[in-house]
C-alpha atoms as a PDB file:
ATOM      1  CA  MET A   1     225.609  79.883 247.603  1.00  0.00           C
ATOM      2  CA  VAL A   2     228.631  81.511 246.635  1.00  0.00           C
ATOM      3  CA  GLN A   3     229.619  81.302 250.746  1.00  0.00           C
ATOM      4  CA  ALA A   4     228.557  77.579 250.653  1.00  0.00           C
ATOM      5  CA  LEU A   5     231.341  77.474 247.781  1.00  0.00           C
ATOM      6  CA  THR A   6     233.939  78.851 249.132  1.00  0.00           C
ATOM      7  CA  LEU A   7     233.762  76.492 252.444  1.00  0.00           C
ATOM      8  CA  ASP A   8     233.789  73.259 249.854  1.00  0.00           C
ATOM      9  CA  ARG A   9     236.581  74.480 248.308  1.00  0.00           C
ATOM     10  CA  VAL A  10     238.649  75.132 251.966  1.00  0.00           C
ATOM     11  CA  ALA A  11     237.384  71.998 252.891  1.00  0.00           C
ATOM     12  CA  ASP A  12     238.760  69.903 249.772  1.00  0.00           C
ATOM     13  CA  SER A  13     242.060  72.392 250.406  1.00  0.00           C
ATOM     14  CA  ARG A  14     242.041  70.872 254.063  1.00  0.00           C
ATOM     15  CA  ARG A  15     241.748  67.255 252.834  1.00  0.00           C
ATOM     16  CA  ARG A  16     244.053  67.427 249.672  1.00  0.00           C
ATOM     17  CA  SER A  17     246.488  69.273 251.954  1.00  0.00           C
ATOM     18  CA  ARG A  18     246.280  65.874 254.577  1.00  0.00           C
ATOM     19  CA  ALA A  19     246.485  63.693 252.050  1.00  0.00           C
ATOM     20  CA  LEU A  20     249.831  64.986 251.097  1.00  0.00           C
ATOM     21  CA  ALA A  21     251.120  65.371 253.913  1.00  0.00           C
ATOM     22  CA  ALA A  22     250.527  61.138 254.896  1.00  0.00           C
ATOM     23  CA  TRP A  23     251.650  60.564 251.276  1.00  0.00           C
ATOM     24  CA  THR A  24     254.648  62.586 252.381  1.00  0.00           C
ATOM     25  CA  ASP A  25     254.910  61.413 255.603  1.00  0.00           C
ATOM     26  CA  LEU A  26     254.608  57.529 253.556  1.00  0.00           C
ATOM     27  CA  GLN A  27     257.860  58.170 251.313  1.00  0.00           C
ATOM     28  CA  THR A  28     259.566  59.819 254.033  1.00  0.00           C
ATOM     29  CA  LEU A  29     259.342  56.371 256.463  1.00  0.00           C
ATOM     30  CA  ARG A  30     260.316  54.107 253.594  1.00  0.00           C
ATOM     31  CA  SER A  31     263.161  56.561 252.545  1.00  0.00           C
ATOM     32  CA  VAL A  32     264.793  56.346 256.111  1.00  0.00           C
ATOM     33  CA  ALA A  33     264.067  52.549 256.789  1.00  0.00           C
ATOM     34  CA  ARG A  34     265.979  52.266 252.868  1.00  0.00           C
ATOM     35  CA  SER A  35     268.553  54.704 254.054  1.00  0.00           C
ATOM     36  CA  LEU A  36     269.354  52.279 257.248  1.00  0.00           C
ATOM     37  CA  ALA A  37     269.153  49.469 255.241  1.00  0.00           C
ATOM     38  CA  ASP A  38     271.315  50.204 252.916  1.00  0.00           C
ATOM     39  CA  GLY A  39     274.351  50.585 256.226  1.00  0.00           C
ATOM     40  CA  ILE A  40     274.113  54.913 256.193  1.00  0.00           C
ATOM     41  CA  ALA A  41     274.013  56.165 259.438  1.00  0.00           C
ATOM     42  CA  GLN A  42     271.607  57.770 261.141  1.00  0.00           C
ATOM     43  CA  GLU A  43     273.177  60.988 261.493  1.00  0.00           C
ATOM     44  CA  SER A  44     273.868  61.333 257.543  1.00  0.00           C
ATOM     45  CA  VAL A  45     270.441  60.681 257.422  1.00  0.00           C
ATOM     46  CA  ALA A  46     269.216  63.044 259.493  1.00  0.00           C
ATOM     47  CA  HIS A  47     271.697  65.966 257.601  1.00  0.00           C
ATOM     48  CA  ALA A  48     270.193  64.496 254.144  1.00  0.00           C
ATOM     49  CA  LEU A  49     266.417  65.001 255.506  1.00  0.00           C
ATOM     50  CA  GLY A  50     267.133  68.173 257.579  1.00  0.00           C
ATOM     51  CA  ILE A  51     265.897  66.875 260.925  1.00  0.00           C
ATOM     52  CA  SER A  52     267.500  66.398 264.055  1.00  0.00           C
ATOM     53  CA  GLN A  53     269.006  62.448 264.745  1.00  0.00           C
ATOM     54  CA  PRO A  54     266.367  61.746 267.179  1.00  0.00           C
ATOM     55  CA  ALA A  55     263.716  62.750 264.540  1.00  0.00           C
ATOM     56  CA  VAL A  56     265.308  59.917 262.526  1.00  0.00           C
ATOM     57  CA  SER A  57     265.615  57.355 264.868  1.00  0.00           C
ATOM     58  CA  LYS A  58     261.518  57.843 265.735  1.00  0.00           C
ATOM     59  CA  LEU A  59     261.342  57.731 261.824  1.00  0.00           C
ATOM     60  CA  ALA A  60     263.051  54.145 262.368  1.00  0.00           C
ATOM     61  CA  ARG A  61     260.949  53.387 265.376  1.00  0.00           C
ATOM     62  CA  ARG A  62     257.703  53.737 263.369  1.00  0.00           C
ATOM     63  CA  ALA A  63     259.180  52.146 260.176  1.00  0.00           C
ATOM     64  CA  ARG A  64     259.799  49.216 261.650  1.00  0.00           C
ATOM     65  CA  ALA A  65     256.513  49.016 263.178  1.00  0.00           C
ATOM     66  CA  LEU A  66     254.474  48.778 259.947  1.00  0.00           C
ATOM     67  CA  ASP A  67     254.264  45.547 258.490  1.00  0.00           C
ATOM     68  CA  ASP A  68     255.784  45.388 254.732  1.00  0.00           C
ATOM     69  CA  LEU A  69     256.496  48.961 254.639  1.00  0.00           C
ATOM     70  CA  ASP A  70     257.458  49.336 251.173  1.00  0.00           C
ATOM     71  CA  ALA A  71     254.136  47.128 249.277  1.00  0.00           C
ATOM     72  CA  ARG A  72     251.648  49.257 248.186  1.00  0.00           C
ATOM     73  CA  THR A  73     248.151  50.073 250.184  1.00  0.00           C
ATOM     74  CA  PRO A  74     244.738  50.806 249.121  1.00  0.00           C
ATOM     75  CA  ARG A  75     245.584  53.600 250.947  1.00  0.00           C
ATOM     76  CA  GLU A  76     248.131  55.078 249.278  1.00  0.00           C
ATOM     77  CA  VAL A  77     246.473  54.922 246.051  1.00  0.00           C
ATOM     78  CA  ILE A  78     243.298  56.795 247.503  1.00  0.00           C
ATOM     79  CA  LEU A  79     245.940  59.398 248.795  1.00  0.00           C
ATOM     80  CA  GLU A  80     247.760  59.579 245.397  1.00  0.00           C
ATOM     81  CA  ARG A  81     244.085  60.482 244.158  1.00  0.00           C
ATOM     82  CA  ALA A  82     243.222  63.233 246.026  1.00  0.00           C
ATOM     83  CA  ILE A  83     246.881  65.151 245.658  1.00  0.00           C
ATOM     84  CA  GLY A  84     246.017  64.326 241.708  1.00  0.00           C
ATOM     85  CA  MET A  85     248.989  61.747 241.337  1.00  0.00           C
ATOM     86  CA  ILE A  86     246.111  59.794 239.622  1.00  0.00           C
ATOM     87  CA  ASN A  87     242.844  59.907 238.042  1.00  0.00           C
ATOM     88  CA  GLY A  88     239.640  58.628 240.041  1.00  0.00           C
ATOM     89  CA  LYS A  89     238.985  55.579 237.036  1.00  0.00           C
ATOM     90  CA  GLN A  90     243.188  54.958 237.298  1.00  0.00           C
ATOM     91  CA  MET A  91     242.373  54.697 241.369  1.00  0.00           C
ATOM     92  CA  LEU A  92     239.198  52.179 241.013  1.00  0.00           C
ATOM     93  CA  GLN A  93     241.277  50.444 238.931  1.00  0.00           C
ATOM     94  CA  GLU A  94     243.786  49.585 240.870  1.00  0.00           C
ATOM     95  CA  LEU A  95     241.817  49.122 244.280  1.00  0.00           C
ATOM     96  CA  HIS A  96     239.725  46.768 241.943  1.00  0.00           C
ATOM     97  CA  THR A  97     242.665  44.611 242.339  1.00  0.00           C
ATOM     98  CA  TRP A  98     241.935  43.869 246.868  1.00  0.00           C
ATOM     99  CA  THR A  99     240.030  41.727 248.082  1.00  0.00           C
ATOM    100  CA  TYR A 100     238.536  44.000 251.406  1.00  0.00           C
ATOM    101  CA  GLU A 101     238.493  41.826 254.268  1.00  0.00           C
ATOM    102  CA  PRO A 102     237.514  43.986 257.482  1.00  0.00           C
ATOM    103  CA  GLY A 103     239.424  43.599 260.446  1.00  0.00           C
ATOM    104  CA  HIS A 104     239.504  40.969 263.293  1.00  0.00           C
ATOM    105  CA  PHE A 105     240.638  40.711 266.700  1.00  0.00           C
ATOM    106  CA  ASP A 106     243.462  38.463 267.937  1.00  0.00           C
ATOM    107  CA  ASP A 107     242.159  37.240 270.928  1.00  0.00           C
ATOM    108  CA  ALA A 108     238.785  35.390 270.743  1.00  0.00           C
ATOM    109  CA  ASP A 109     237.138  37.831 273.993  1.00  0.00           C
ATOM    110  CA  ARG A 110     238.172  40.746 272.406  1.00  0.00           C
ATOM    111  CA  ALA A 111     239.360  41.822 275.829  1.00  0.00           C
ATOM    112  CA  GLU A 112     242.367  43.902 274.298  1.00  0.00           C
ATOM    113  CA  PRO A 113     241.857  47.013 271.845  1.00  0.00           C
ATOM    114  CA  GLU A 114     246.037  45.783 270.762  1.00  0.00           C
ATOM    115  CA  SER A 115     244.590  42.513 269.132  1.00  0.00           C
ATOM    116  CA  TYR A 116     242.667  43.907 266.852  1.00  0.00           C
ATOM    117  CA  ILE A 117     244.214  43.649 263.365  1.00  0.00           C
ATOM    118  CA  PRO A 118     242.870  45.780 261.035  1.00  0.00           C
ATOM    119  CA  GLY A 119     242.029  44.620 257.424  1.00  0.00           C
ATOM    120  CA  LEU A 120     241.770  46.246 254.133  1.00  0.00           C
ATOM    121  CA  ARG A 121     238.413  47.457 254.737  1.00  0.00           C
ATOM    122  CA  ASP A 122     239.393  48.627 257.033  1.00  0.00           C
ATOM    123  CA  GLN A 123     241.202  51.352 254.934  1.00  0.00           C
ATOM    124  CA  LEU A 124     238.219  51.716 252.811  1.00  0.00           C
ATOM    125  CA  GLU A 125     235.965  52.520 256.022  1.00  0.00           C
ATOM    126  CA  GLU A 126     239.407  55.399 256.996  1.00  0.00           C
ATOM    127  CA  ALA A 127     239.422  57.187 253.809  1.00  0.00           C
ATOM    128  CA  ALA A 128     235.530  57.723 253.487  1.00  0.00           C
ATOM    129  CA  GLY A 129     235.494  59.370 256.625  1.00  0.00           C
ATOM    130  CA  GLU A 130     238.007  61.580 255.819  1.00  0.00           C
ATOM    131  CA  GLY A 131     235.987  62.730 252.745  1.00  0.00           C
ATOM    132  CA  LEU A 132     238.521  61.059 250.341  1.00  0.00           C
ATOM    133  CA  LEU A 133     236.842  58.320 248.819  1.00  0.00           C
ATOM    134  CA  SER A 134     232.666  58.964 248.411  1.00  0.00           C
ATOM    135  CA  ARG A 135     230.317  56.553 249.507  1.00  0.00           C
ATOM    136  CA  GLU A 136     229.840  55.504 245.901  1.00  0.00           C
ATOM    137  CA  GLU A 137     233.219  54.060 245.657  1.00  0.00           C
ATOM    138  CA  PHE A 138     233.366  52.279 249.230  1.00  0.00           C
ATOM    139  CA  ASP A 139     229.807  50.442 247.809  1.00  0.00           C
ATOM    140  CA  LEU A 140     231.316  49.680 243.891  1.00  0.00           C
ATOM    141  CA  LEU A 141     234.705  48.768 245.751  1.00  0.00           C
ATOM    142  CA  THR A 142     233.382  46.555 248.571  1.00  0.00           C
ATOM    143  CA  GLY A 143     229.546  45.197 247.310  1.00  0.00           C
ATOM    144  CA  GLY A 144     227.764  47.707 248.487  1.00  0.00           C
ATOM    145  CA  ALA A 145     228.001  45.124 251.905  1.00  0.00           C
END
């Protein structure tokens, strides 16, 4: 029994660590995008972050590839609960403000995997798969469908 509790704590700690890394990555992408949009040179951003200029260039490329980087997403809210910034009640309250449509393919024959456009429901499914959202929470948000 003690060993099982210890393993649960280890797994929970790993989930929280991964959530913190994902949340931090999102904030870094936002900071880099805002700084560059404000005309700050990549070299200056690199110095401020303590990374190389090529690393800033890669972050900028990733940021440009994301749709509406500044928009809050269900994933961000779930990550915030996982790292203790908000509680479960606050998370569910905010998550209830979205409609969770599944993703879809942009091409009619679904031949190209790149044509899949994720929906907000995909963010919930991913979080549930990572252990960041319980089955009960998922069902509550999606109507059990």
